[in-house]
Amino acid sequence: MDIKYGHGLEFDADDNFQEEKTSDGSPEIHVTLEQILRHGFRTPVGEQEQISLTINGNHYVVFNLSERGVGIYLNHSGEMKSLAQFQGILLTIGGHSFSTDGVVMHLSNDGIHDLCGIELISISNECQDAIIRYLQKSRSSLFVP
């Protein structure tokens, strides 16, 4: 999955795209968008939540978390590549760190930040339990009856 750029918008698209020129010479991109399937609700993470990710010694702020992945703010544009695989990612939740592996599944920009979605793979039972505990606690405060 690659990021395609057009008229200031970034979006995930498959490789079926064509770039044409409009009458004023600016690019016009025609794409077939992939269906993005979410496997679970992504819970927002506040800065005070003490959840972070470290990849190859680089520290990243986590802005959302699900049972299968994390969303992080990138430190520099272009530092991650789509489908890049990482081993030994360190996920820290509430002062407890867990080693896992991951794959970059999504890259985008929200107009302020460069964002990256990473699917976590090879998650230990302890890490999975910590994620689930955090999600249950967070969701109960988000969805108060």
Protein backbone atom coordinates (compact mmCIF):
# COMPACT_ATOMS: atom_id res chain seq x y z
CA MET A 1 0.00 0.00 0.00
CA ASP A 2 1.51 3.33 -0.99
CA ILE A 3 0.62 6.90 -0.22
CA LYS A 4 -0.46 8.90 -3.25
CA TYR A 5 -0.48 12.68 -3.23
CA GLY A 6 -2.87 14.90 -5.12
CA HIS A 7 -4.21 18.43 -4.63
CA GLY A 8 -2.93 18.54 -1.04
CA LEU A 9 -4.64 15.29 -0.02
CA GLU A 10 -2.90 12.12 1.03
CA PHE A 11 -4.64 8.77 0.88
CA ASP A 12 -3.97 5.06 0.71
CA ALA A 13 -4.37 3.74 -2.80
CA ASP A 14 -3.53 0.64 -4.68
CA ASP A 15 -1.27 0.77 -7.71
CA ASN A 16 -4.15 1.36 -10.14
CA PHE A 17 -3.77 5.07 -10.59
CA GLN A 18 -3.25 7.43 -13.47
CA GLU A 19 -1.98 10.97 -13.38
CA GLU A 20 -3.32 13.34 -16.00
CA LYS A 21 -2.96 17.07 -16.50
CA THR A 22 -5.91 19.43 -16.20
CA SER A 23 -6.44 22.31 -18.61
CA ASP A 24 -4.30 24.58 -16.41
CA GLY A 25 -1.47 22.02 -16.32
CA SER A 26 -1.90 20.93 -12.71
CA PRO A 27 -1.88 17.19 -12.00
CA GLU A 28 -5.14 15.33 -11.59
CA ILE A 29 -4.90 11.86 -10.15
CA HIS A 30 -7.46 9.12 -10.73
CA VAL A 31 -7.20 6.16 -8.37
CA THR A 32 -9.02 3.09 -7.28
CA LEU A 33 -8.99 3.26 -3.50
CA GLU A 34 -8.41 0.12 -1.50
CA GLN A 35 -10.97 -0.77 1.09
CA ILE A 36 -9.40 -0.20 4.48
CA LEU A 37 -10.58 -2.85 6.90
CA ARG A 38 -10.25 -1.97 10.56
CA HIS A 39 -10.00 -5.00 12.83
CA GLY A 40 -10.88 -3.14 15.98
CA PHE A 41 -11.63 0.20 17.53
CA ARG A 42 -8.56 2.39 17.88
CA THR A 43 -8.52 4.05 21.28
CA PRO A 44 -7.06 7.56 21.44
CA VAL A 45 -4.03 7.93 23.70
CA GLY A 46 -3.36 11.19 25.51
CA GLU A 47 0.15 12.48 26.20
CA GLN A 48 -0.31 11.82 29.93
CA GLU A 49 -1.02 8.13 29.28
CA GLN A 50 2.65 7.02 29.29
CA ILE A 51 2.45 4.92 26.13
CA SER A 52 5.37 5.09 23.74
CA LEU A 53 7.09 3.09 21.03
CA THR A 54 10.81 2.74 20.37
CA ILE A 55 12.06 1.46 17.02
CA ASN A 56 15.79 1.12 16.35
CA GLY A 57 16.53 3.52 19.22
CA ASN A 58 14.08 6.19 17.97
CA HIS A 59 11.32 7.19 20.41
CA TYR A 60 7.78 7.84 19.09
CA VAL A 61 4.66 9.26 20.71
CA VAL A 62 1.68 6.89 20.44
CA PHE A 63 -1.59 8.69 19.60
CA ASN A 64 -3.86 5.65 19.33
CA LEU A 65 -3.82 1.98 20.26
CA SER A 66 -5.79 -1.13 19.35
CA GLU A 67 -5.39 -4.82 20.15
CA ARG A 68 -3.39 -5.26 16.94
CA GLY A 69 -1.55 -2.01 16.41
CA VAL A 70 -0.49 1.52 17.25
CA GLY A 71 -0.63 4.91 15.61
CA ILE A 72 2.48 7.05 16.10
CA TYR A 73 3.61 10.55 15.25
CA LEU A 74 6.71 10.42 13.07
CA ASN A 75 9.71 12.55 14.02
CA HIS A 76 10.61 13.32 10.39
CA SER A 77 8.71 13.12 7.12
CA GLY A 78 9.72 10.11 5.07
CA GLU A 79 11.43 8.21 7.90
CA MET A 80 9.14 5.17 7.49
CA LYS A 81 8.32 3.20 4.37
CA SER A 82 5.06 1.37 3.72
CA LEU A 83 5.25 -2.34 4.59
CA ALA A 84 8.63 -1.89 6.34
CA GLN A 85 9.12 -4.61 8.94
CA PHE A 86 10.78 -4.08 12.31
CA GLN A 87 11.95 -6.54 14.92
CA GLY A 88 12.53 -5.70 18.56
CA ILE A 89 10.06 -2.82 18.75
CA LEU A 90 9.73 -1.69 22.36
CA LEU A 91 6.15 -0.85 23.37
CA THR A 92 5.92 0.86 26.75
CA ILE A 93 2.57 0.97 28.55
CA GLY A 94 2.39 2.53 32.01
CA GLY A 95 6.07 2.02 32.75
CA HIS A 96 6.17 -1.61 31.57
CA SER A 97 8.06 -2.34 28.33
CA PHE A 98 7.38 -5.20 25.93
CA SER A 99 9.38 -6.33 22.90
CA THR A 100 7.39 -7.13 19.76
CA ASP A 101 7.68 -6.97 15.99
CA GLY A 102 5.71 -4.78 13.62
CA VAL A 103 4.86 -3.85 10.04
CA VAL A 104 4.15 -0.33 8.75
CA MET A 105 0.61 -0.49 7.36
CA HIS A 106 -0.35 3.15 6.95
CA LEU A 107 1.37 6.49 6.34
CA SER A 108 -0.44 9.82 6.17
CA ASN A 109 -0.39 13.45 7.20
CA ASP A 110 -3.18 15.12 9.14
CA GLY A 111 -2.09 18.61 8.08
CA ILE A 112 0.08 19.01 11.18
CA HIS A 113 1.81 15.67 11.81
CA ASP A 114 3.19 12.82 9.75
CA LEU A 115 1.39 9.73 11.03
CA CYS A 116 2.24 6.04 10.89
CA GLY A 117 0.10 3.00 11.65
CA ILE A 118 2.00 -0.11 12.70
CA GLU A 119 0.50 -3.57 12.97
CA LEU A 120 2.00 -5.38 15.94
CA ILE A 121 2.95 -8.99 15.31
CA SER A 122 4.53 -11.64 17.55
CA ILE A 123 2.91 -10.07 20.61
CA SER A 124 3.69 -11.85 23.88
CA ASN A 125 0.82 -12.82 26.18
CA GLU A 126 2.05 -10.27 28.73
CA CYS A 127 2.05 -7.49 26.14
CA GLN A 128 -1.40 -8.50 24.86
CA ASP A 129 -2.74 -8.51 28.43
CA ALA A 130 -1.31 -5.02 29.07
CA ILE A 131 -2.87 -3.71 25.85
CA ILE A 132 -6.25 -5.23 26.67
CA ARG A 133 -6.19 -3.85 30.24
CA TYR A 134 -5.37 -0.36 28.91
CA LEU A 135 -8.08 -0.56 26.23
CA GLN A 136 -10.74 -1.76 28.67
CA LYS A 137 -9.89 1.03 31.11
CA SER A 138 -9.83 3.68 28.37
CA ARG A 139 -13.01 2.50 26.67
CA SER A 140 -14.93 2.49 29.94
CA SER A 141 -14.06 6.18 30.38
CA LEU A 142 -14.85 6.97 26.71
CA PHE A 143 -18.22 5.23 26.68
CA VAL A 144 -19.66 6.17 30.06
CA PRO A 145 -23.39 5.22 30.16
